[in-house]
Amino acid sequence: MSENLLERTVFVVSDSTGITAETFSNSVLSQFEQIHFEVIRIPFIDSPDKAEAAAERINRCATEQNERPLVFSTLVNPASADKIRAANCTFLDLFGTFVRHIEAALGTKSNHSVGRSHMGGLSKQYHARIEAINFSLAHDDGQFIHGLEQADVILVGVSRCGKTPTSLYLAMQYAVKAANFPLIPEDFQRGSLPKALAPYRKKLFGLSIQPERLAEVRNERRPNSEYASLKQCRFEVAEAERLMRMKNIPCVSTTTKSIEEISTKVLEEVGLNRRIY
């Protein structure tokens, strides 16, 4: 970390897990590269008493650091939100800011139900995500070919190019049943895709990666092996991309993209945006 980098404390306060607020705060704060943010999540603030305790913690931080911390809040209970708002901080009300405008647009009041955004345990969407996660785990790395007809998308690419994390992210976030298959030297010698994928050509989506980055990733797994050598990585990437071009499989490089960006590209290309929850 640079010695000239400024540091600020950020609190993420929520009546539930705080994941929504933390995700939003990370996106916003990433625009300020000159500052290092220490993010402290305070979840499950589901009563005014807990909110008051959280406010005291925020006040102590402000006093110790002589700086007003930023506070991202998704508290829906007005009494709890007021406790935090009164603290010595810059209060950013993520739900309240939008809910007021939506209430005006719809001509109706919101429920103000604590933790409602995470009350999905019995919902259809929640069960769909769990089912998709189980499917993706079972169909990881081509280990189980039965049931591929149920897949929404099948990711293909060389080993360690990002297929598994992308499959799981699609399942967890969007309830997409994503299988993945490795492309290996035997496929390149035959000049064809694995036979198990033949019936599902329209479901295929390719992931590629720069050979230099692939060599770095593979060396973390198998140091100084032929599998991780730059020569082998260059060969596999070139052959995989050639095979995907030959089969007209849409493809994206994962080298400089986040898993969110990769997943969004897959959703767009395969026409799965309708599945976003």
Protein backbone atom coordinates (compact mmCIF):
# COMPACT_ATOMS: atom_id res chain seq x y z
CA MET A 1 0.00 0.00 0.00
CA SER A 2 1.35 3.46 -0.90
CA GLU A 3 2.47 5.62 2.04
CA ASN A 4 0.61 8.56 0.47
CA LEU A 5 -2.69 6.71 0.36
CA LEU A 6 -5.37 8.32 2.50
CA GLU A 7 -7.32 6.10 4.89
CA ARG A 8 -10.96 6.32 5.94
CA THR A 9 -13.27 4.07 7.93
CA VAL A 10 -16.58 2.94 6.48
CA PHE A 11 -19.39 1.29 8.41
CA VAL A 12 -21.98 -0.89 6.68
CA VAL A 13 -25.05 -1.12 8.91
CA SER A 14 -27.96 -3.41 8.13
CA ASP A 15 -30.94 -5.07 9.77
CA SER A 16 -29.95 -8.29 8.01
CA THR A 17 -26.65 -9.64 6.63
CA GLY A 18 -25.36 -6.34 5.23
CA ILE A 19 -24.35 -7.97 1.96
CA THR A 20 -26.52 -5.66 -0.14
CA ALA A 21 -25.11 -2.52 1.45
CA GLU A 22 -21.54 -3.80 1.35
CA THR A 23 -21.80 -4.70 -2.34
CA PHE A 24 -23.16 -1.24 -3.14
CA SER A 25 -20.54 0.50 -1.01
CA ASN A 26 -17.71 -1.44 -2.66
CA SER A 27 -18.93 -0.36 -6.10
CA VAL A 28 -19.15 3.30 -5.09
CA LEU A 29 -15.90 3.43 -3.12
CA SER A 30 -13.95 1.77 -5.93
CA GLN A 31 -14.18 5.13 -7.71
CA PHE A 32 -11.83 6.64 -5.12
CA GLU A 33 -8.55 4.83 -5.80
CA GLN A 34 -6.51 7.39 -3.86
CA ILE A 35 -8.15 6.32 -0.60
CA HIS A 36 -7.90 3.06 1.33
CA PHE A 37 -11.21 2.25 2.99
CA GLU A 38 -11.43 0.02 6.03
CA VAL A 39 -14.93 -1.42 5.80
CA ILE A 40 -16.60 -2.60 9.02
CA ARG A 41 -19.87 -4.46 8.63
CA ILE A 42 -22.40 -4.30 11.48
CA PRO A 43 -25.20 -6.74 10.58
CA PHE A 44 -28.48 -7.73 12.23
CA ILE A 45 -29.32 -4.32 13.72
CA ASP A 46 -32.96 -5.29 14.12
CA SER A 47 -33.94 -3.08 17.08
CA PRO A 48 -33.40 0.55 18.20
CA ASP A 49 -31.30 -0.70 21.14
CA LYS A 50 -28.87 -2.43 18.80
CA ALA A 51 -28.86 0.66 16.60
CA GLU A 52 -27.92 2.80 19.59
CA ALA A 53 -25.01 0.48 20.40
CA ALA A 54 -23.87 0.68 16.77
CA ALA A 55 -24.12 4.50 16.90
CA GLU A 56 -21.88 4.55 19.99
CA ARG A 57 -19.32 2.45 18.14
CA ILE A 58 -19.43 4.86 15.20
CA ASN A 59 -19.01 7.84 17.55
CA ARG A 60 -15.96 6.25 19.20
CA CYS A 61 -14.40 5.77 15.79
CA ALA A 62 -15.06 9.40 14.87
CA THR A 63 -13.45 10.56 18.12
CA GLU A 64 -10.39 8.28 17.86
CA GLN A 65 -9.70 9.13 14.22
CA ASN A 66 -10.87 12.74 14.33
CA GLU A 67 -12.79 12.00 11.12
CA ARG A 68 -16.46 11.39 10.52
CA PRO A 69 -16.75 7.84 9.13
CA LEU A 70 -18.96 7.05 6.17
CA VAL A 71 -21.99 4.92 7.02
CA PHE A 72 -23.87 2.94 4.37
CA SER A 73 -27.23 1.83 5.78
CA THR A 74 -29.99 -0.45 4.60
CA LEU A 75 -31.99 -0.09 7.83
CA VAL A 76 -35.71 0.00 7.10
CA ASN A 77 -36.90 0.62 10.68
CA PRO A 78 -37.16 4.44 10.94
CA ALA A 79 -36.35 4.46 14.66
CA SER A 80 -33.18 2.43 14.12
CA ALA A 81 -32.17 4.52 11.13
CA ASP A 82 -32.62 7.73 13.15
CA LYS A 83 -30.26 6.42 15.84
CA ILE A 84 -27.50 5.89 13.28
CA ARG A 85 -28.26 9.13 11.44
CA ALA A 86 -27.75 11.05 14.69
CA ALA A 87 -24.23 9.65 15.11
CA ASN A 88 -21.14 11.66 14.19
CA CYS A 89 -20.94 10.32 10.64
CA THR A 90 -21.84 10.87 7.01
CA PHE A 91 -25.03 8.83 6.80
CA LEU A 92 -25.96 7.27 3.45
CA ASP A 93 -29.47 5.79 3.54
CA LEU A 94 -29.57 3.33 0.66
CA PHE A 95 -33.14 2.09 1.15
CA GLY A 96 -34.72 5.33 2.31
CA THR A 97 -33.31 7.32 -0.59
CA PHE A 98 -35.04 5.10 -3.11
CA VAL A 99 -38.09 3.95 -1.17
CA ARG A 100 -39.46 7.49 -0.80
CA HIS A 101 -39.37 8.06 -4.56
CA ILE A 102 -40.90 4.66 -5.29
CA GLU A 103 -43.68 5.25 -2.76
CA ALA A 104 -44.49 8.54 -4.49
CA ALA A 105 -44.41 6.95 -7.94
CA LEU A 106 -46.62 4.01 -6.92
CA GLY A 107 -48.92 5.95 -4.66
CA THR A 108 -48.53 3.43 -1.84
CA LYS A 109 -46.41 2.92 1.26
CA SER A 110 -43.74 0.24 1.57
CA ASN A 111 -43.98 -2.48 4.23
CA HIS A 112 -40.85 -1.36 6.12
CA SER A 113 -40.29 -5.05 6.96
CA VAL A 114 -36.96 -5.78 8.60
CA GLY A 115 -34.79 -8.16 6.56
CA ARG A 116 -37.38 -8.52 3.82
CA SER A 117 -34.79 -8.56 1.01
CA HIS A 118 -33.32 -11.72 2.55
CA MET A 119 -36.56 -13.46 3.47
CA GLY A 120 -36.16 -15.81 0.52
CA GLY A 121 -35.92 -19.10 2.39
CA LEU A 122 -39.34 -20.26 1.28
CA SER A 123 -39.55 -18.38 -2.02
CA LYS A 124 -39.51 -19.88 -5.48
CA GLN A 125 -36.45 -17.79 -6.36
CA TYR A 126 -34.52 -19.03 -3.34
CA HIS A 127 -35.20 -22.67 -4.13
CA ALA A 128 -34.24 -22.04 -7.76
CA ARG A 129 -30.85 -20.73 -6.64
CA ILE A 130 -30.22 -23.71 -4.37
CA GLU A 131 -31.16 -26.09 -7.17
CA ALA A 132 -28.86 -24.26 -9.57
CA ILE A 133 -25.94 -24.40 -7.11
CA ASN A 134 -26.37 -28.15 -6.65
CA PHE A 135 -26.52 -28.60 -10.41
CA SER A 136 -23.36 -26.57 -11.01
CA LEU A 137 -21.44 -28.44 -8.31
CA ALA A 138 -22.50 -31.79 -9.78
CA HIS A 139 -21.57 -30.74 -13.32
CA ASP A 140 -18.24 -29.10 -12.55
CA ASP A 141 -15.25 -29.86 -14.78
CA GLY A 142 -17.17 -32.40 -16.88
CA GLN A 143 -17.35 -34.85 -13.99
CA PHE A 144 -21.02 -35.71 -14.52
CA ILE A 145 -22.57 -35.69 -18.00
CA HIS A 146 -26.05 -36.93 -17.13
CA GLY A 147 -28.65 -34.20 -16.93
CA LEU A 148 -26.84 -31.75 -19.20
CA GLU A 149 -30.10 -31.20 -21.04
CA GLN A 150 -31.19 -29.24 -17.94
CA ALA A 151 -28.27 -26.82 -18.23
CA ASP A 152 -28.98 -23.20 -19.10
CA VAL A 153 -25.39 -22.76 -20.24
CA ILE A 154 -22.28 -24.94 -20.53
CA LEU A 155 -18.95 -23.15 -20.16
CA VAL A 156 -15.96 -24.54 -22.05
CA GLY A 157 -12.29 -23.61 -21.93
CA VAL A 158 -8.85 -24.77 -20.89
CA SER A 159 -8.12 -25.81 -17.33
CA ARG A 160 -7.90 -22.90 -14.84
CA CYS A 161 -9.40 -20.22 -17.07
CA GLY A 162 -12.22 -19.42 -14.62
CA LYS A 163 -15.00 -21.85 -15.53
CA THR A 164 -15.80 -23.10 -12.01
CA PRO A 165 -16.07 -19.74 -10.19
CA THR A 166 -18.14 -18.33 -13.06
CA SER A 167 -20.49 -21.33 -12.98
CA LEU A 168 -21.03 -21.00 -9.24
CA TYR A 169 -21.50 -17.23 -9.40
CA LEU A 170 -24.17 -17.63 -12.09
CA ALA A 171 -25.92 -20.22 -9.95
CA MET A 172 -25.73 -18.29 -6.68
CA GLN A 173 -26.67 -14.88 -8.05
CA TYR A 174 -29.02 -15.68 -10.91
CA ALA A 175 -30.25 -19.26 -10.41
CA VAL A 176 -28.62 -20.21 -13.71
CA LYS A 177 -27.84 -23.91 -14.08
CA ALA A 178 -24.30 -23.66 -15.41
CA ALA A 179 -22.23 -26.73 -16.20
CA ASN A 180 -18.61 -26.51 -17.32
CA PHE A 181 -16.32 -28.71 -19.40
CA PRO A 182 -12.55 -28.51 -19.81
CA LEU A 183 -10.98 -28.48 -23.26
CA ILE A 184 -7.92 -30.76 -23.15
CA PRO A 185 -5.07 -31.68 -25.56
CA GLU A 186 -6.97 -34.80 -26.71
CA ASP A 187 -9.78 -32.54 -27.95
CA PHE A 188 -7.28 -30.46 -29.90
CA GLN A 189 -5.75 -33.55 -31.50
CA ARG A 190 -9.19 -34.69 -32.67
CA GLY A 191 -10.11 -31.17 -33.70
CA SER A 192 -13.50 -31.54 -32.09
CA LEU A 193 -15.39 -30.82 -28.90
CA PRO A 194 -15.95 -33.54 -26.28
CA LYS A 195 -18.58 -35.95 -27.61
CA ALA A 196 -20.84 -35.38 -24.60
CA LEU A 197 -21.32 -31.77 -25.71
CA ALA A 198 -22.45 -32.50 -29.25
CA PRO A 199 -26.21 -32.39 -28.51
CA TYR A 200 -25.86 -29.09 -26.63
CA ARG A 201 -23.99 -26.93 -29.12
CA LYS A 202 -26.37 -23.95 -28.68
CA LYS A 203 -25.77 -23.92 -24.92
CA LEU A 204 -21.99 -23.60 -25.15
CA PHE A 205 -20.09 -20.48 -24.15
CA GLY A 206 -16.30 -20.25 -24.21
CA LEU A 207 -13.89 -18.73 -21.70
CA SER A 208 -10.32 -17.93 -22.68
CA ILE A 209 -7.35 -16.30 -20.96
CA GLN A 210 -3.96 -14.84 -21.85
CA PRO A 211 -1.28 -17.60 -21.74
CA GLU A 212 0.95 -15.58 -19.43
CA ARG A 213 -1.81 -15.22 -16.85
CA LEU A 214 -2.77 -18.88 -17.25
CA ALA A 215 0.83 -19.92 -16.54
CA GLU A 216 0.79 -17.87 -13.33
CA VAL A 217 -2.45 -19.47 -12.17
CA ARG A 218 -1.33 -23.00 -13.01
CA ASN A 219 2.04 -22.52 -11.30
CA GLU A 220 0.20 -21.83 -8.06
CA ARG A 221 -1.37 -25.27 -8.39
CA ARG A 222 1.49 -27.29 -9.94
CA PRO A 223 4.76 -25.32 -9.71
CA ASN A 224 7.41 -25.94 -12.40
CA SER A 225 5.30 -28.54 -14.21
CA GLU A 226 4.79 -28.94 -17.95
CA TYR A 227 1.11 -28.28 -17.28
CA ALA A 228 2.04 -24.82 -16.01
CA SER A 229 4.75 -24.01 -18.54
CA LEU A 230 4.23 -20.95 -20.73
CA LYS A 231 4.80 -23.08 -23.83
CA GLN A 232 1.99 -25.48 -22.86
CA CYS A 233 -0.31 -22.64 -21.92
CA ARG A 234 0.26 -20.89 -25.24
CA PHE A 235 -0.47 -24.10 -27.12
CA GLU A 236 -3.68 -24.88 -25.21
CA VAL A 237 -5.08 -21.36 -25.37
CA ALA A 238 -4.37 -21.06 -29.10
CA GLU A 239 -5.92 -24.45 -29.84
CA ALA A 240 -8.95 -23.83 -27.65
CA GLU A 241 -9.64 -20.48 -29.31
CA ARG A 242 -9.19 -22.05 -32.75
CA LEU A 243 -11.65 -24.80 -31.86
CA MET A 244 -14.19 -22.31 -30.54
CA ARG A 245 -13.90 -20.20 -33.69
CA MET A 246 -14.32 -23.28 -35.84
CA LYS A 247 -17.46 -24.29 -33.93
CA ASN A 248 -18.72 -20.68 -33.82
CA ILE A 249 -18.87 -20.66 -30.00
CA PRO A 250 -19.13 -17.18 -28.41
CA CYS A 251 -16.13 -16.52 -26.19
CA VAL A 252 -14.80 -13.95 -23.72
CA SER A 253 -11.34 -13.53 -22.20
CA THR A 254 -11.27 -13.69 -18.41
CA THR A 255 -7.78 -12.19 -18.08
CA THR A 256 -8.71 -8.69 -16.95
CA LYS A 257 -12.40 -9.13 -16.18
CA SER A 258 -14.05 -9.60 -12.80
CA ILE A 259 -16.34 -12.55 -12.23
CA GLU A 260 -19.26 -10.13 -12.29
CA GLU A 261 -18.24 -8.86 -15.73
CA ILE A 262 -17.73 -12.36 -17.09
CA SER A 263 -21.09 -13.52 -15.78
CA THR A 264 -22.88 -10.50 -17.21
CA LYS A 265 -21.35 -11.21 -20.62
CA VAL A 266 -22.52 -14.82 -20.43
CA LEU A 267 -26.04 -13.76 -19.48
CA GLU A 268 -26.20 -11.32 -22.38
CA GLU A 269 -24.73 -13.60 -25.03
CA VAL A 270 -26.77 -16.66 -24.10
CA GLY A 271 -29.97 -14.64 -23.62
CA LEU A 272 -30.39 -15.37 -19.91
CA ASN A 273 -30.95 -11.82 -18.65
CA ARG A 274 -34.57 -12.81 -18.10
CA ARG A 275 -33.35 -15.03 -15.26
CA ILE A 276 -31.96 -12.22 -13.12
CA TYR A 277 -33.64 -12.05 -9.70
